[in-house]
C-alpha atoms as a PDB file:
ATOM      1  CA  UNK A   1      54.490   8.881 -10.629  1.00  0.00           C
ATOM      2  CA  UNK A   2      52.862   8.892 -14.077  1.00  0.00           C
ATOM      3  CA  UNK A   3      49.516   9.847 -15.477  1.00  0.00           C
ATOM      4  CA  UNK A   4      46.964   7.079 -15.802  1.00  0.00           C
ATOM      5  CA  UNK A   5      45.096   8.383 -18.872  1.00  0.00           C
ATOM      6  CA  UNK A   6      43.832  11.470 -20.633  1.00  0.00           C
ATOM      7  CA  UNK A   7      40.348  12.092 -19.233  1.00  0.00           C
ATOM      8  CA  UNK A   8      38.658  14.985 -21.056  1.00  0.00           C
ATOM      9  CA  UNK A   9      38.893  18.401 -22.638  1.00  0.00           C
ATOM     10  CA  UNK A  10      36.749  21.228 -21.314  1.00  0.00           C
ATOM     11  CA  UNK A  11      35.240  24.055 -23.344  1.00  0.00           C
ATOM     12  CA  UNK A  12      33.335  27.033 -21.931  1.00  0.00           C
ATOM     13  CA  UNK A  13      30.446  28.034 -24.195  1.00  0.00           C
ATOM     14  CA  UNK A  14      27.645  30.596 -24.155  1.00  0.00           C
ATOM     15  CA  UNK A  15      24.952  28.270 -25.540  1.00  0.00           C
ATOM     16  CA  UNK A  16      25.110  24.872 -23.839  1.00  0.00           C
ATOM     17  CA  UNK A  17      22.246  23.203 -25.764  1.00  0.00           C
ATOM     18  CA  UNK A  18      23.780  24.295 -29.087  1.00  0.00           C
ATOM     19  CA  UNK A  19      27.204  22.935 -28.076  1.00  0.00           C
ATOM     20  CA  UNK A  20      25.662  19.628 -27.015  1.00  0.00           C
ATOM     21  CA  UNK A  21      23.817  19.409 -30.353  1.00  0.00           C
ATOM     22  CA  UNK A  22      27.061  20.153 -32.258  1.00  0.00           C
ATOM     23  CA  UNK A  23      29.009  17.351 -30.582  1.00  0.00           C
ATOM     24  CA  UNK A  24      26.115  14.882 -30.800  1.00  0.00           C
ATOM     25  CA  UNK A  25      25.862  15.620 -34.532  1.00  0.00           C
ATOM     26  CA  UNK A  26      29.600  15.012 -34.777  1.00  0.00           C
ATOM     27  CA  UNK A  27      28.932  11.522 -33.396  1.00  0.00           C
ATOM     28  CA  UNK A  28      29.656  11.851 -29.689  1.00  0.00           C
ATOM     29  CA  UNK A  29      27.366  10.287 -27.093  1.00  0.00           C
ATOM     30  CA  UNK A  30      25.702  12.544 -24.516  1.00  0.00           C
ATOM     31  CA  UNK A  31      26.564  11.176 -21.056  1.00  0.00           C
ATOM     32  CA  UNK A  32      24.737  13.646 -18.842  1.00  0.00           C
ATOM     33  CA  UNK A  33      24.352  17.153 -17.549  1.00  0.00           C
ATOM     34  CA  UNK A  34      24.673  18.713 -14.081  1.00  0.00           C
ATOM     35  CA  UNK A  35      24.911  22.016 -12.248  1.00  0.00           C
ATOM     36  CA  UNK A  36      28.196  22.656 -10.468  1.00  0.00           C
ATOM     37  CA  UNK A  37      28.409  25.154  -7.610  1.00  0.00           C
ATOM     38  CA  UNK A  38      29.502  25.528  -4.011  1.00  0.00           C
ATOM     39  CA  UNK A  39      32.660  25.904  -2.016  1.00  0.00           C
ATOM     40  CA  UNK A  40      34.561  23.101  -3.727  1.00  0.00           C
ATOM     41  CA  UNK A  41      33.968  24.664  -7.171  1.00  0.00           C
ATOM     42  CA  UNK A  42      35.028  28.084  -5.856  1.00  0.00           C
ATOM     43  CA  UNK A  43      38.243  26.590  -4.455  1.00  0.00           C
ATOM     44  CA  UNK A  44      38.945  24.609  -7.621  1.00  0.00           C
ATOM     45  CA  UNK A  45      38.587  27.616  -9.928  1.00  0.00           C
ATOM     46  CA  UNK A  46      39.998  30.212  -7.527  1.00  0.00           C
ATOM     47  CA  UNK A  47      36.814  32.292  -7.858  1.00  0.00           C
ATOM     48  CA  UNK A  48      33.815  33.055  -5.656  1.00  0.00           C
ATOM     49  CA  UNK A  49      30.180  32.317  -6.393  1.00  0.00           C
ATOM     50  CA  UNK A  50      30.813  29.801  -9.170  1.00  0.00           C
ATOM     51  CA  UNK A  51      27.664  28.400 -10.754  1.00  0.00           C
ATOM     52  CA  UNK A  52      27.945  26.410 -13.957  1.00  0.00           C
ATOM     53  CA  UNK A  53      25.919  23.950 -16.002  1.00  0.00           C
ATOM     54  CA  UNK A  54      28.082  21.252 -17.550  1.00  0.00           C
ATOM     55  CA  UNK A  55      27.496  18.422 -19.982  1.00  0.00           C
ATOM     56  CA  UNK A  56      29.745  15.448 -20.702  1.00  0.00           C
ATOM     57  CA  UNK A  57      29.976  13.747 -24.078  1.00  0.00           C
ATOM     58  CA  UNK A  58      32.096  10.765 -25.078  1.00  0.00           C
ATOM     59  CA  UNK A  59      33.444   9.337 -28.302  1.00  0.00           C
ATOM     60  CA  UNK A  60      31.840   6.131 -29.589  1.00  0.00           C
ATOM     61  CA  UNK A  61      34.900   4.099 -28.536  1.00  0.00           C
ATOM     62  CA  UNK A  62      34.576   5.453 -24.983  1.00  0.00           C
ATOM     63  CA  UNK A  63      38.179   6.697 -24.812  1.00  0.00           C
ATOM     64  CA  UNK A  64      37.684  10.436 -25.400  1.00  0.00           C
ATOM     65  CA  UNK A  65      35.432  12.894 -23.609  1.00  0.00           C
ATOM     66  CA  UNK A  66      34.489  16.550 -24.004  1.00  0.00           C
ATOM     67  CA  UNK A  67      33.016  18.650 -21.206  1.00  0.00           C
ATOM     68  CA  UNK A  68      31.060  21.702 -22.330  1.00  0.00           C
ATOM     69  CA  UNK A  69      30.258  24.283 -19.663  1.00  0.00           C
ATOM     70  CA  UNK A  70      28.038  27.332 -19.437  1.00  0.00           C
ATOM     71  CA  UNK A  71      29.330  29.513 -16.598  1.00  0.00           C
ATOM     72  CA  UNK A  72      26.539  31.608 -15.080  1.00  0.00           C
ATOM     73  CA  UNK A  73      28.548  33.235 -12.290  1.00  0.00           C
ATOM     74  CA  UNK A  74      30.909  34.906 -11.912  1.00  0.00           C
ATOM     75  CA  UNK A  75      30.684  36.837 -15.164  1.00  0.00           C
ATOM     76  CA  UNK A  76      33.548  36.456 -17.621  1.00  0.00           C
ATOM     77  CA  UNK A  77      35.914  39.412 -17.858  1.00  0.00           C
ATOM     78  CA  UNK A  78      36.853  38.774 -21.490  1.00  0.00           C
ATOM     79  CA  UNK A  79      36.503  36.314 -24.326  1.00  0.00           C
ATOM     80  CA  UNK A  80      38.804  33.871 -26.073  1.00  0.00           C
ATOM     81  CA  UNK A  81      40.503  35.213 -29.206  1.00  0.00           C
ATOM     82  CA  UNK A  82      39.582  33.917 -32.637  1.00  0.00           C
ATOM     83  CA  UNK A  83      43.154  33.631 -33.781  1.00  0.00           C
ATOM     84  CA  UNK A  84      44.517  31.596 -36.704  1.00  0.00           C
ATOM     85  CA  UNK A  85      45.030  27.862 -36.132  1.00  0.00           C
ATOM     86  CA  UNK A  86      48.804  28.436 -36.028  1.00  0.00           C
ATOM     87  CA  UNK A  87      48.666  30.722 -32.950  1.00  0.00           C
ATOM     88  CA  UNK A  88      50.338  29.220 -29.865  1.00  0.00           C
ATOM     89  CA  UNK A  89      47.806  28.320 -27.194  1.00  0.00           C
ATOM     90  CA  UNK A  90      44.786  28.022 -29.496  1.00  0.00           C
ATOM     91  CA  UNK A  91      42.979  24.802 -28.517  1.00  0.00           C
ATOM     92  CA  UNK A  92      42.249  22.211 -31.155  1.00  0.00           C
ATOM     93  CA  UNK A  93      40.339  18.940 -30.888  1.00  0.00           C
ATOM     94  CA  UNK A  94      40.785  16.417 -33.682  1.00  0.00           C
ATOM     95  CA  UNK A  95      38.484  13.512 -34.485  1.00  0.00           C
ATOM     96  CA  UNK A  96      38.868  10.669 -36.992  1.00  0.00           C
ATOM     97  CA  UNK A  97      35.655  10.483 -39.040  1.00  0.00           C
ATOM     98  CA  UNK A  98      34.334   8.256 -41.817  1.00  0.00           C
ATOM     99  CA  UNK A  99      33.812  11.055 -44.360  1.00  0.00           C
ATOM    100  CA  UNK A 100      35.086  14.624 -43.832  1.00  0.00           C
ATOM    101  CA  UNK A 101      32.727  16.190 -46.383  1.00  0.00           C
ATOM    102  CA  UNK A 102      29.644  14.448 -45.007  1.00  0.00           C
ATOM    103  CA  UNK A 103      30.475  15.320 -41.383  1.00  0.00           C
ATOM    104  CA  UNK A 104      31.133  18.960 -42.248  1.00  0.00           C
ATOM    105  CA  UNK A 105      27.819  19.136 -44.132  1.00  0.00           C
ATOM    106  CA  UNK A 106      26.028  17.827 -41.014  1.00  0.00           C
ATOM    107  CA  UNK A 107      27.875  20.253 -38.705  1.00  0.00           C
ATOM    108  CA  UNK A 108      27.322  23.352 -40.848  1.00  0.00           C
ATOM    109  CA  UNK A 109      23.704  23.863 -39.636  1.00  0.00           C
ATOM    110  CA  UNK A 110      25.119  23.751 -36.090  1.00  0.00           C
ATOM    111  CA  UNK A 111      27.421  26.695 -36.772  1.00  0.00           C
ATOM    112  CA  UNK A 112      30.547  24.952 -38.078  1.00  0.00           C
ATOM    113  CA  UNK A 113      32.630  27.156 -40.362  1.00  0.00           C
ATOM    114  CA  UNK A 114      35.473  25.822 -42.497  1.00  0.00           C
ATOM    115  CA  UNK A 115      38.796  27.428 -41.464  1.00  0.00           C
ATOM    116  CA  UNK A 116      40.682  26.888 -44.735  1.00  0.00           C
ATOM    117  CA  UNK A 117      39.945  24.207 -47.284  1.00  0.00           C
ATOM    118  CA  UNK A 118      39.473  20.462 -47.121  1.00  0.00           C
ATOM    119  CA  UNK A 119      42.912  19.150 -48.055  1.00  0.00           C
ATOM    120  CA  UNK A 120      44.522  15.805 -48.812  1.00  0.00           C
ATOM    121  CA  UNK A 121      47.862  14.639 -47.508  1.00  0.00           C
ATOM    122  CA  UNK A 122      49.068  12.268 -50.212  1.00  0.00           C
ATOM    123  CA  UNK A 123      46.866   9.148 -50.245  1.00  0.00           C
ATOM    124  CA  UNK A 124      46.862   8.937 -46.466  1.00  0.00           C
ATOM    125  CA  UNK A 125      44.480  11.574 -45.048  1.00  0.00           C
ATOM    126  CA  UNK A 126      41.726  13.956 -46.014  1.00  0.00           C
ATOM    127  CA  UNK A 127      41.768  16.729 -43.416  1.00  0.00           C
ATOM    128  CA  UNK A 128      39.781  19.834 -42.534  1.00  0.00           C
ATOM    129  CA  UNK A 129      39.639  22.345 -39.701  1.00  0.00           C
ATOM    130  CA  UNK A 130      36.293  23.841 -38.714  1.00  0.00           C
ATOM    131  CA  UNK A 131      35.343  26.340 -36.025  1.00  0.00           C
ATOM    132  CA  UNK A 132      32.890  24.825 -33.579  1.00  0.00           C
ATOM    133  CA  UNK A 133      31.246  26.009 -30.348  1.00  0.00           C
ATOM    134  CA  UNK A 134      32.860  29.139 -28.873  1.00  0.00           C
ATOM    135  CA  UNK A 135      35.255  29.240 -31.852  1.00  0.00           C
ATOM    136  CA  UNK A 136      37.162  26.104 -30.836  1.00  0.00           C
ATOM    137  CA  UNK A 137      39.028  24.574 -33.749  1.00  0.00           C
ATOM    138  CA  UNK A 138      37.838  21.050 -34.570  1.00  0.00           C
ATOM    139  CA  UNK A 139      40.007  18.881 -36.817  1.00  0.00           C
ATOM    140  CA  UNK A 140      38.237  16.314 -38.977  1.00  0.00           C
ATOM    141  CA  UNK A 141      40.473  13.539 -40.323  1.00  0.00           C
ATOM    142  CA  UNK A 142      39.434  10.876 -42.821  1.00  0.00           C
ATOM    143  CA  UNK A 143      41.860   7.991 -43.170  1.00  0.00           C
ATOM    144  CA  UNK A 144      42.239   7.150 -46.871  1.00  0.00           C
ATOM    145  CA  UNK A 145      44.398   4.060 -46.653  1.00  0.00           C
END
């Protein structure tokens, strides 16, 4: 048995509209939004009383998707750490973009913060890491050749 495809990455956020705006500004397409609750959600997450609003966004090529969720109940018992990019277990999403500097400039009003510096790898890539919704690290890669 083998996997068929990678489907999506999920991110829990505190401000769902802001997260949607961030990813739309990045260039993703908003697919839709729904409320998730009930016994099946409780069983899936191993919790009781789950109620969540979720939104799905997809990349322009249709192959990548991001789910952003605002969990209303049960209340979180902690928060994700804002560790350096090199910390094991820290999630990172990377997107190929037309122009790293231009995309970062558009994302900055949506809360994006540059992690280090925009850097070049030879004449192949221009690369940057930014913190996005809920502190998730977003890689922006511009192909130079």
